[in-house]
Protein backbone atom coordinates (compact mmCIF):
# COMPACT_ATOMS: atom_id res chain seq x y z
CA UNK A 1 8.11 25.37 1.25
CA UNK A 2 9.23 28.08 -1.22
CA UNK A 3 12.84 26.91 -0.96
CA UNK A 4 11.71 23.41 -1.88
CA UNK A 5 9.94 24.74 -4.96
CA UNK A 6 13.01 26.76 -5.93
CA UNK A 7 15.17 23.67 -5.69
CA UNK A 8 12.71 21.78 -7.85
CA UNK A 9 12.77 24.57 -10.45
CA UNK A 10 16.57 24.35 -10.69
CA UNK A 11 16.29 20.60 -10.98
CA UNK A 12 13.68 20.99 -13.69
CA UNK A 13 16.00 23.07 -15.90
CA UNK A 14 18.57 20.30 -15.70
CA UNK A 15 15.86 17.78 -16.36
CA UNK A 16 14.58 19.56 -19.46
CA UNK A 17 18.03 19.40 -20.97
CA UNK A 18 18.30 15.69 -20.21
CA UNK A 19 14.86 15.03 -21.65
CA UNK A 20 15.69 17.02 -24.78
CA UNK A 21 18.72 14.83 -25.42
CA UNK A 22 16.72 11.65 -24.90
CA UNK A 23 13.42 12.74 -26.43
CA UNK A 24 14.17 11.75 -30.00
CA UNK A 25 15.10 8.25 -28.87
CA UNK A 26 11.96 8.01 -26.75
CA UNK A 27 9.80 8.26 -29.84
CA UNK A 28 10.67 4.83 -31.16
CA UNK A 29 13.75 3.29 -29.55
CA UNK A 30 12.93 1.01 -26.60
CA UNK A 31 16.08 -1.06 -26.97
CA UNK A 32 17.95 -2.37 -23.94
CA UNK A 33 20.95 -0.30 -24.99
CA UNK A 34 18.97 2.92 -25.05
CA UNK A 35 16.96 2.28 -21.87
CA UNK A 36 20.15 1.36 -20.01
CA UNK A 37 21.57 4.80 -20.73
CA UNK A 38 18.82 6.46 -18.73
CA UNK A 39 20.52 5.61 -15.45
CA UNK A 40 18.07 3.38 -13.56
CA UNK A 41 18.84 -0.31 -12.98
CA UNK A 42 17.31 -2.56 -15.63
CA UNK A 43 15.48 -5.79 -14.75
CA UNK A 44 15.51 -8.13 -17.75
CA UNK A 45 13.20 -11.15 -17.53
CA UNK A 46 13.35 -13.90 -20.13
CA UNK A 47 10.73 -16.62 -19.82
CA UNK A 48 11.06 -20.20 -21.01
CA UNK A 49 9.95 -20.33 -24.67
CA UNK A 50 9.11 -16.60 -24.39
CA UNK A 51 5.82 -17.51 -22.71
CA UNK A 52 3.86 -14.46 -21.60
CA UNK A 53 2.34 -14.55 -18.08
CA UNK A 54 -1.44 -14.48 -18.39
CA UNK A 55 -4.52 -14.33 -16.17
CA UNK A 56 -8.29 -14.27 -16.32
CA UNK A 57 -10.37 -11.37 -15.06
CA UNK A 58 -13.20 -11.89 -12.61
CA UNK A 59 -15.81 -9.71 -10.90
CA UNK A 60 -16.73 -10.04 -7.25
CA UNK A 61 -19.53 -12.38 -6.24
CA UNK A 62 -22.84 -10.90 -5.15
CA UNK A 63 -22.53 -9.15 -1.80
CA UNK A 64 -18.80 -8.43 -2.11
CA UNK A 65 -16.72 -5.81 -3.85
CA UNK A 66 -13.86 -5.35 -6.28
CA UNK A 67 -12.47 -6.72 -9.50
CA UNK A 68 -9.76 -9.33 -9.45
CA UNK A 69 -7.85 -11.90 -11.45
CA UNK A 70 -7.71 -15.67 -11.36
CA UNK A 71 -5.75 -18.47 -12.98
CA UNK A 72 -2.58 -16.40 -13.16
CA UNK A 73 0.03 -18.54 -14.88
CA UNK A 74 3.32 -19.04 -13.05
CA UNK A 75 5.94 -18.89 -15.80
CA UNK A 76 9.55 -20.10 -15.38
CA UNK A 77 12.13 -17.45 -16.23
CA UNK A 78 15.64 -16.08 -15.93
CA UNK A 79 16.20 -12.67 -14.32
CA UNK A 80 19.21 -10.45 -14.94
CA UNK A 81 19.61 -7.08 -13.19
CA UNK A 82 22.12 -4.54 -14.48
CA UNK A 83 23.06 -1.30 -12.77
CA UNK A 84 23.32 2.15 -14.33
CA UNK A 85 26.82 1.28 -15.55
CA UNK A 86 25.40 -1.80 -17.32
CA UNK A 87 27.24 -4.14 -14.98
CA UNK A 88 25.38 -7.34 -14.05
CA UNK A 89 24.56 -7.18 -10.34
CA UNK A 90 22.30 -10.25 -10.30
CA UNK A 91 21.74 -13.24 -12.55
CA UNK A 92 19.34 -15.95 -11.46
CA UNK A 93 20.56 -18.36 -14.11
CA UNK A 94 18.30 -20.43 -16.34
CA UNK A 95 15.26 -21.91 -14.65
CA UNK A 96 15.81 -25.21 -12.89
CA UNK A 97 13.40 -26.00 -10.10
CA UNK A 98 14.89 -25.50 -6.61
CA UNK A 99 18.31 -24.83 -8.15
CA UNK A 100 18.28 -21.65 -10.27
CA UNK A 101 16.08 -19.17 -12.08
CA UNK A 102 12.69 -17.90 -10.97
CA UNK A 103 9.00 -17.81 -11.76
CA UNK A 104 6.92 -14.76 -12.63
CA UNK A 105 3.18 -14.25 -12.55
CA UNK A 106 0.75 -11.36 -12.84
CA UNK A 107 -0.23 -10.04 -9.42
CA UNK A 108 -2.76 -7.62 -8.01
CA UNK A 109 -6.48 -7.02 -8.43
CA UNK A 110 -7.81 -4.00 -10.34
CA UNK A 111 -4.21 -2.92 -11.02
CA UNK A 112 -3.82 -5.99 -13.25
CA UNK A 113 -6.50 -4.77 -15.64
CA UNK A 114 -4.14 -2.36 -17.42
CA UNK A 115 -1.83 -3.10 -20.32
CA UNK A 116 1.31 -3.09 -18.20
CA UNK A 117 0.89 -5.43 -15.26
CA UNK A 118 2.25 -5.74 -11.72
CA UNK A 119 4.15 -8.98 -11.13
CA UNK A 120 5.18 -11.34 -8.38
CA UNK A 121 8.61 -12.94 -8.65
CA UNK A 122 9.65 -16.09 -6.83
CA UNK A 123 13.31 -17.03 -6.95
CA UNK A 124 14.37 -20.65 -6.75
CA UNK A 125 17.27 -19.63 -4.48
CA UNK A 126 17.10 -16.80 -1.95
CA UNK A 127 18.85 -13.58 -2.90
CA UNK A 128 18.70 -9.87 -2.12
CA UNK A 129 17.64 -8.28 -5.39
CA UNK A 130 18.35 -4.85 -3.91
CA UNK A 131 22.05 -5.72 -3.43
CA UNK A 132 22.40 -4.42 0.12
CA UNK A 133 25.38 -6.62 0.97
CA UNK A 134 23.90 -8.51 3.92
CA UNK A 135 22.67 -12.08 3.70
CA UNK A 136 19.80 -11.37 6.10
CA UNK A 137 17.98 -9.61 3.24
CA UNK A 138 18.00 -12.67 1.01
CA UNK A 139 14.52 -13.90 0.16
CA UNK A 140 12.68 -15.74 -2.58
CA UNK A 141 9.61 -13.50 -2.89
CA UNK A 142 9.72 -10.07 -4.57
CA UNK A 143 7.27 -7.77 -6.31
CA UNK A 144 7.39 -5.53 -9.37
CA UNK A 145 4.93 -2.67 -8.87
CA UNK A 146 3.93 -0.12 -11.49
CA UNK A 147 4.16 2.53 -8.77
CA UNK A 148 7.22 4.27 -10.26
CA UNK A 149 4.68 6.09 -12.44
CA UNK A 150 3.98 8.32 -9.42
CA UNK A 151 5.84 9.15 -6.23
CA UNK A 152 2.93 7.98 -4.04
CA UNK A 153 4.49 4.72 -2.89
CA UNK A 154 7.82 6.37 -2.06
CA UNK A 155 5.99 9.01 -0.03
CA UNK A 156 3.76 6.44 1.65
CA UNK A 157 6.64 4.19 2.63
CA UNK A 158 8.60 7.15 3.98
CA UNK A 159 5.55 8.02 6.06
CA UNK A 160 5.42 4.38 7.21
CA UNK A 161 9.05 4.61 8.35
CA UNK A 162 8.76 8.01 10.07
CA UNK A 163 5.52 7.20 11.89
CA UNK A 164 7.22 4.13 13.41
CA UNK A 165 5.30 1.13 12.09
CA UNK A 166 6.96 -2.26 12.61
CA UNK A 167 8.62 -2.57 9.17
CA UNK A 168 9.06 -0.55 6.00
CA UNK A 169 9.57 -2.43 2.72
CA UNK A 170 12.69 -1.45 0.78
CA UNK A 171 12.49 -0.84 -2.95
CA UNK A 172 14.39 0.26 -6.05
CA UNK A 173 13.06 2.21 -9.06
CA UNK A 174 13.98 0.33 -12.23
CA UNK A 175 13.12 -0.21 -15.87
CA UNK A 176 11.74 -3.60 -16.85
CA UNK A 177 12.02 -5.77 -19.96
CA UNK A 178 10.12 -9.02 -20.44
CA UNK A 179 11.35 -11.11 -23.36
CA UNK A 180 13.19 -8.07 -24.77
CA UNK A 181 9.99 -6.01 -24.71
CA UNK A 182 10.23 -2.78 -22.71
CA UNK A 183 7.39 -2.63 -20.14
CA UNK A 184 8.16 0.67 -18.39
CA UNK A 185 9.38 1.95 -15.03
CA UNK A 186 8.58 -0.11 -11.93
CA UNK A 187 9.44 -0.42 -8.27
CA UNK A 188 11.26 -3.63 -7.40
CA UNK A 189 10.14 -4.10 -3.80
CA UNK A 190 10.18 -6.56 -0.92
CA UNK A 191 6.95 -8.50 -0.45
CA UNK A 192 4.98 -8.55 2.80
CA UNK A 193 5.98 -11.66 4.72
CA UNK A 194 7.57 -12.94 7.89
CA UNK A 195 11.32 -12.59 8.37
CA UNK A 196 12.45 -12.03 11.94
CA UNK A 197 15.70 -10.44 10.74
CA UNK A 198 14.48 -7.87 8.24
CA UNK A 199 10.75 -8.00 7.43
CA UNK A 200 7.79 -8.57 9.76
CA UNK A 201 8.84 -10.19 13.01
CA UNK A 202 6.47 -12.82 14.36
CA UNK A 203 7.26 -16.13 15.99
CA UNK A 204 7.93 -18.82 13.40
CA UNK A 205 5.74 -21.40 15.08
CA UNK A 206 2.88 -19.55 16.75
CA UNK A 207 2.80 -16.02 15.29
CA UNK A 208 0.54 -14.84 12.48
CA UNK A 209 0.17 -12.10 9.86
CA UNK A 210 -3.24 -11.66 8.23
CA UNK A 211 -4.83 -9.21 5.85
CA UNK A 212 -8.31 -7.77 6.26
CA UNK A 213 -9.09 -8.36 2.64
CA UNK A 214 -11.81 -6.99 0.36
CA UNK A 215 -10.73 -9.60 -2.19
CA UNK A 216 -11.05 -12.60 0.13
CA UNK A 217 -13.47 -14.19 -2.33
CA UNK A 218 -10.56 -14.71 -4.71
CA UNK A 219 -8.47 -16.69 -2.19
CA UNK A 220 -8.66 -20.35 -1.29
CA UNK A 221 -8.19 -19.95 2.47
CA UNK A 222 -9.81 -17.26 4.63
CA UNK A 223 -11.79 -16.80 7.81
CA UNK A 224 -14.54 -14.51 9.04
CA UNK A 225 -15.01 -12.73 12.34
CA UNK A 226 -18.00 -11.28 14.15
CA UNK A 227 -17.45 -7.63 13.16
CA UNK A 228 -20.74 -6.66 11.44
CA UNK A 229 -23.22 -9.48 11.41
CA UNK A 230 -23.25 -9.99 7.62
CA UNK A 231 -19.50 -9.72 6.95
CA UNK A 232 -20.41 -9.25 3.30
CA UNK A 233 -17.39 -7.28 2.25
CA UNK A 234 -14.37 -8.48 4.23
CA UNK A 235 -12.68 -11.63 5.45
CA UNK A 236 -9.18 -12.31 6.73
CA UNK A 237 -6.64 -13.95 4.43
CA UNK A 238 -3.18 -15.25 5.27
CA UNK A 239 0.27 -13.70 4.81
CA UNK A 240 1.94 -15.93 7.44
CA UNK A 241 1.75 -18.85 7.61
CA UNK A 242 1.23 -19.33 3.89
CA UNK A 243 -2.30 -20.46 3.07
CA UNK A 244 -0.89 -23.81 1.95
CA UNK A 245 0.73 -24.35 5.35
CA UNK A 246 -1.72 -22.86 7.84
CA UNK A 247 -3.31 -25.36 10.21
CA UNK A 248 -6.83 -25.47 11.60
CA UNK A 249 -5.37 -24.73 15.02
CA UNK A 250 -3.64 -21.58 13.76
CA UNK A 251 -6.78 -20.41 11.99
CA UNK A 252 -8.88 -21.00 15.09
CA UNK A 253 -6.44 -19.05 17.26
CA UNK A 254 -6.27 -16.04 14.93
CA UNK A 255 -10.03 -16.02 14.45
CA UNK A 256 -10.72 -16.34 18.17
CA UNK A 257 -8.26 -13.60 19.10
CA UNK A 258 -9.57 -11.11 16.54
CA UNK A 259 -13.11 -11.88 17.69
CA UNK A 260 -11.96 -11.04 21.19
CA UNK A 261 -10.48 -7.78 19.91
CA UNK A 262 -13.83 -6.87 18.37
CA UNK A 263 -15.67 -7.77 21.54
CA UNK A 264 -13.22 -5.75 23.63
CA UNK A 265 -13.92 -2.64 21.52
CA UNK A 266 -17.61 -3.00 22.27
CA UNK A 267 -16.86 -3.68 25.94
CA UNK A 268 -14.42 -0.71 26.09
CA UNK A 269 -11.38 -2.66 27.32
CA UNK A 270 -9.60 -2.94 23.94
CA UNK A 271 -6.19 -1.81 25.24
CA UNK A 272 -5.85 -5.28 26.79
CA UNK A 273 -5.86 -6.81 23.29
CA UNK A 274 -4.43 -4.34 20.76
CA UNK A 275 -1.19 -2.40 20.53
CA UNK A 276 -2.84 1.02 20.64
CA UNK A 277 0.24 2.91 19.43
CA UNK A 278 0.52 0.91 16.21
CA UNK A 279 -3.20 1.33 15.47
CA UNK A 280 -2.93 5.08 16.14
CA UNK A 281 0.20 5.42 13.99
CA UNK A 282 -1.37 3.58 11.06
CA UNK A 283 -4.52 5.71 11.13
CA UNK A 284 -2.72 9.00 11.66
CA UNK A 285 -0.39 8.31 8.73
CA UNK A 286 -3.38 7.83 6.42
CA UNK A 287 -5.06 10.93 7.85
CA UNK A 288 -1.95 12.99 7.07
CA UNK A 289 -1.88 11.61 3.51
CA UNK A 290 -5.64 11.90 2.91
CA UNK A 291 -6.24 8.31 1.77
CA UNK A 292 -9.54 7.81 -0.04
CA UNK A 293 -9.65 4.07 -0.77
CA UNK A 294 -10.43 2.45 2.55
CA UNK A 295 -11.95 -0.62 0.94
CA UNK A 296 -9.23 -1.75 -1.44
CA UNK A 297 -6.22 -0.60 0.56
CA UNK A 298 -4.17 -3.43 2.03
CA UNK A 299 -4.66 -3.72 5.78
CA UNK A 300 -2.24 -6.10 7.53
CA UNK A 301 -2.39 -7.18 11.18
CA UNK A 302 0.10 -9.28 13.11
CA UNK A 303 0.57 -10.95 16.47
CA UNK A 304 3.98 -12.13 17.61
CA UNK A 305 2.86 -15.40 19.18
CA UNK A 306 -0.12 -17.12 20.78
CA UNK A 307 0.60 -16.06 24.34
CA UNK A 308 -1.35 -13.52 26.39
CA UNK A 309 1.76 -11.34 26.71
CA UNK A 310 1.60 -10.08 23.10
CA UNK A 311 -1.04 -7.90 21.46
CA UNK A 312 -2.51 -7.50 17.99
CA UNK A 313 -0.53 -4.91 16.00
CA UNK A 314 -1.02 -3.01 12.78
CA UNK A 315 1.77 -4.03 10.41
CA UNK A 316 3.14 -1.94 7.55
CA UNK A 317 1.10 0.19 5.15
CA UNK A 318 1.15 -0.87 1.52
CA UNK A 319 -1.39 0.57 -0.94
CA UNK A 320 -0.97 4.29 -1.66
CA UNK A 321 -2.84 4.70 -4.95
CA UNK A 322 -5.38 7.12 -3.49
CA UNK A 323 -3.34 9.24 -1.08
CA UNK A 324 -3.99 13.00 -1.47
CA UNK A 325 -7.48 12.24 -2.84
CA UNK A 326 -9.47 13.64 0.08
CA UNK A 327 -10.33 17.32 0.39
CA UNK A 328 -7.59 19.20 2.23
CA UNK A 329 -8.34 19.19 5.94
CA UNK A 330 -10.43 16.02 5.74
CA UNK A 331 -9.63 12.82 7.57
CA UNK A 332 -8.95 9.67 5.58
CA UNK A 333 -11.96 7.46 4.96
CA UNK A 334 -10.54 4.96 7.43
CA UNK A 335 -11.07 7.61 10.11
CA UNK A 336 -14.72 8.18 9.29
CA UNK A 337 -16.06 4.97 7.75
CA UNK A 338 -16.97 2.43 10.40
CA UNK A 339 -18.03 0.16 7.59
CA UNK A 340 -14.35 -0.25 6.71
CA UNK A 341 -12.55 -0.93 9.99
CA UNK A 342 -12.45 -0.42 13.75
CA UNK A 343 -11.09 3.13 13.88
CA UNK A 344 -14.36 5.11 14.30
CA UNK A 345 -15.38 2.74 17.09
CA UNK A 346 -12.04 3.27 18.78
CA UNK A 347 -12.18 7.06 18.38
CA UNK A 348 -15.74 7.28 19.70
CA UNK A 349 -15.25 4.73 22.48
CA UNK A 350 -16.00 5.56 26.10
CA UNK A 351 -12.52 4.21 26.76
CA UNK A 352 -10.51 7.28 25.66
CA UNK A 353 -7.10 5.59 25.50
CA UNK A 354 -7.14 5.47 21.69
CA UNK A 355 -8.37 9.04 21.24
CA UNK A 356 -5.88 10.45 23.75
CA UNK A 357 -3.01 8.50 22.18
CA UNK A 358 -4.08 9.71 18.73
CA UNK A 359 -4.02 13.36 19.85
CA UNK A 360 -0.72 12.93 21.68
CA UNK A 361 0.88 11.29 18.65
CA UNK A 362 -0.39 14.11 16.45
CA UNK A 363 1.22 16.75 18.66
CA UNK A 364 4.45 14.76 18.53
CA UNK A 365 4.64 14.48 14.72
CA UNK A 366 2.66 17.30 13.11
CA UNK A 367 5.57 19.75 12.89
CA UNK A 368 8.19 17.14 12.03
CA UNK A 369 7.02 14.38 9.70
CA UNK A 370 5.49 16.52 6.91
CA UNK A 371 8.70 18.55 6.68
CA UNK A 372 10.81 15.39 6.67
CA UNK A 373 8.76 13.94 3.83
CA UNK A 374 9.03 17.16 1.83
CA UNK A 375 12.79 17.13 2.29
CA UNK A 376 13.01 13.44 1.38
CA UNK A 377 11.07 13.71 -1.85
CA UNK A 378 12.71 17.01 -2.84
CA UNK A 379 16.14 15.43 -2.41
CA UNK A 380 15.01 12.47 -4.50
CA UNK A 381 13.76 14.71 -7.30
CA UNK A 382 17.15 16.44 -7.46
CA UNK A 383 19.12 13.19 -7.37
CA UNK A 384 20.49 11.30 -10.35
CA UNK A 385 17.95 8.59 -9.60
CA UNK A 386 15.07 11.10 -9.63
CA UNK A 387 16.18 12.61 -12.94
CA UNK A 388 16.57 9.13 -14.42
CA UNK A 389 13.05 8.25 -13.25
CA UNK A 390 11.64 11.32 -15.00
CA UNK A 391 13.34 10.34 -18.26
CA UNK A 392 11.97 6.82 -17.79
CA UNK A 393 8.49 8.30 -17.50
CA UNK A 394 8.97 9.87 -20.92
CA UNK A 395 9.64 6.43 -22.34
CA UNK A 396 6.68 5.02 -20.42
CA UNK A 397 4.30 7.57 -21.96
CA UNK A 398 5.48 6.62 -25.44
CA UNK A 399 5.42 2.89 -24.77
CA UNK A 400 1.87 2.84 -23.42
CA UNK A 401 0.48 6.03 -24.94
CA UNK A 402 -0.47 7.35 -21.51
CA UNK A 403 0.36 10.73 -20.09
CA UNK A 404 2.08 10.97 -16.70
CA UNK A 405 2.88 13.89 -14.46
CA UNK A 406 6.48 14.98 -14.32
CA UNK A 407 8.41 14.33 -11.14
CA UNK A 408 8.39 18.09 -10.57
CA UNK A 409 4.59 18.18 -10.81
CA UNK A 410 4.29 15.29 -8.37
CA UNK A 411 6.62 16.94 -5.86
CA UNK A 412 4.95 20.34 -6.05
CA UNK A 413 1.49 18.76 -5.67
CA UNK A 414 2.71 16.94 -2.57
CA UNK A 415 4.22 20.14 -1.12
CA UNK A 416 0.93 21.96 -1.74
CA UNK A 417 -0.95 19.13 -0.05
CA UNK A 418 1.04 19.23 3.16
CA UNK A 419 1.20 23.06 3.16
CA UNK A 420 -2.57 23.42 3.26
CA UNK A 421 -3.75 20.08 4.63
CA UNK A 422 -1.74 19.91 7.86
CA UNK A 423 -3.00 23.19 9.43
CA UNK A 424 -6.59 22.30 8.49
CA UNK A 425 -6.13 18.77 9.83
CA UNK A 426 -4.76 20.23 13.05
CA UNK A 427 -7.99 22.20 13.50
CA UNK A 428 -10.07 19.11 12.75
CA UNK A 429 -8.16 17.06 15.33
CA UNK A 430 -8.44 19.80 17.95
CA UNK A 431 -12.20 19.79 17.37
CA UNK A 432 -12.68 16.05 17.86
CA UNK A 433 -15.16 15.84 20.68
CA UNK A 434 -14.66 13.51 23.61
CA UNK A 435 -18.39 13.47 24.22
CA UNK A 436 -20.61 10.66 22.96
CA UNK A 437 -22.19 11.28 19.55
CA UNK A 438 -25.71 12.63 20.04
CA UNK A 439 -26.96 11.24 16.74
CA UNK A 440 -28.66 7.86 16.90
CA UNK A 441 -26.33 5.20 15.50
CA UNK A 442 -27.16 1.93 13.80
CA UNK A 443 -25.35 -0.72 11.81
CA UNK A 444 -26.52 -2.10 8.49
CA UNK A 445 -25.57 -5.38 6.89
CA UNK A 446 -25.42 -3.80 3.45
CA UNK A 447 -24.79 -0.08 3.14
CA UNK A 448 -25.61 -0.20 -0.55
CA UNK A 449 -29.26 -0.86 0.27
CA UNK A 450 -30.18 2.72 1.16
CA UNK A 451 -29.20 6.28 0.19
CA UNK A 452 -26.63 8.05 2.38
CA UNK A 453 -26.32 11.80 2.89
CA UNK A 454 -23.74 14.13 4.39
CA UNK A 455 -24.56 16.63 7.12
CA UNK A 456 -25.64 19.19 4.51
CA UNK A 457 -28.13 16.73 3.02
CA UNK A 458 -26.06 16.01 -0.11
CA UNK A 459 -26.42 12.47 -1.47
CA UNK A 460 -23.23 10.39 -1.13
CA UNK A 461 -22.58 7.75 -3.76
CA UNK A 462 -20.12 5.78 -1.64
CA UNK A 463 -20.00 3.52 1.38
CA UNK A 464 -18.48 5.98 3.80
CA UNK A 465 -20.26 6.94 6.97
CA UNK A 466 -23.01 9.49 6.63
CA UNK A 467 -26.54 10.50 7.62
CA UNK A 468 -29.52 8.42 6.48
CA UNK A 469 -33.07 9.63 6.79
CA UNK A 470 -35.25 6.85 8.22
CA UNK A 471 -38.90 7.63 9.01
CA UNK A 472 -38.03 11.32 9.22
CA UNK A 473 -35.22 10.76 11.74
CA UNK A 474 -31.49 11.36 11.21
CA UNK A 475 -29.58 8.10 11.58
CA UNK A 476 -25.79 7.83 11.42
CA UNK A 477 -24.50 4.95 9.30
CA UNK A 478 -21.78 3.20 11.31
């Protein structure tokens, strides 16, 4: 750990010099010429008639959660990507439907409420915007995430890869212009979708990918299952097939199978219906990263086909905005909040397959993955790309008048997290009891309807699991 900090300190001296040279420019000069000199690829988007993508902001309906957007305009555009040497590595051409160009629209939910927006790009002709030199990576759908402002997404996706989930999206830090206006540093990243060669692999005809979605109320097509009688907060929305293409038969199959999964958890024979290892890996990754937002985080599930020989799997992780938010040594809220997903029911099940697999997986990875992530992010911070990202952050702070951590601060905070969190988490995992919980358990349709307390009697202003006092008795919210 100390060696990693020493390396970062050396890097930081180099970085200070680079920032000093660029600082004067960062005050006022957001020109393409100046931003190109930083060293990150530049994504330049020019819309037809310089039209700005727009959206309307909406609050959740009664009984649901979240803030979202609607009526996002899909604007035709041309996209040019230049590398650090200012050479053009991609040019979509002017927009012509199904022939050239692309469309861009604002994407996301609460993340779209800020001045600089996340975007979804759809090319008219498939291409690999990450220039990996293999036609299998060509696709029409790409995302521009604001996540280059922190290292969270890079860390989260590295965790996704190391823990062994089915697919890890590839990305590229870049600077973005829209209509010659500098918008800041972004991650250009693959979108979550089916591609048997290089994204999520499900059968083209009978497989499915769905999201357990807190923002289902903002989608046109969704379905409910029997998990919690009210189902106020979550539904399932479609990633594959696309909601415009999904049939009633496909919806019925996915809904019926997930209902069977939920029933099997109650009946303690769930390992006949879910891929236990993928569920364990997904949860353990979030436990290691201390994820707080279990409601808004993207939760994708997939099944290869509609035969009895394949099981429901957890797909890739995606949303990492709130990693490292829990107290060190605490589980993620997915681990403890039955309101949010199946994991507490699986951990506390009389069928111990999930719990035993969780503990076995932990023993396998606890001394390896945290060190690999520290090495990965330390190497990035010392790379030309990492230094260029830090300089880009300086421009970002001036462009949007918002302060960001330095890359060094992000890396050292992450090192501190793993240094102290992993030993404490190890103790917490060792202390997970295999005995049934001796506190009475109940389920409520709406957890907002009553006060919730922790084991010390402190009021909790959240929806995570806790103790409620009902008629003088302790009752565990599940």
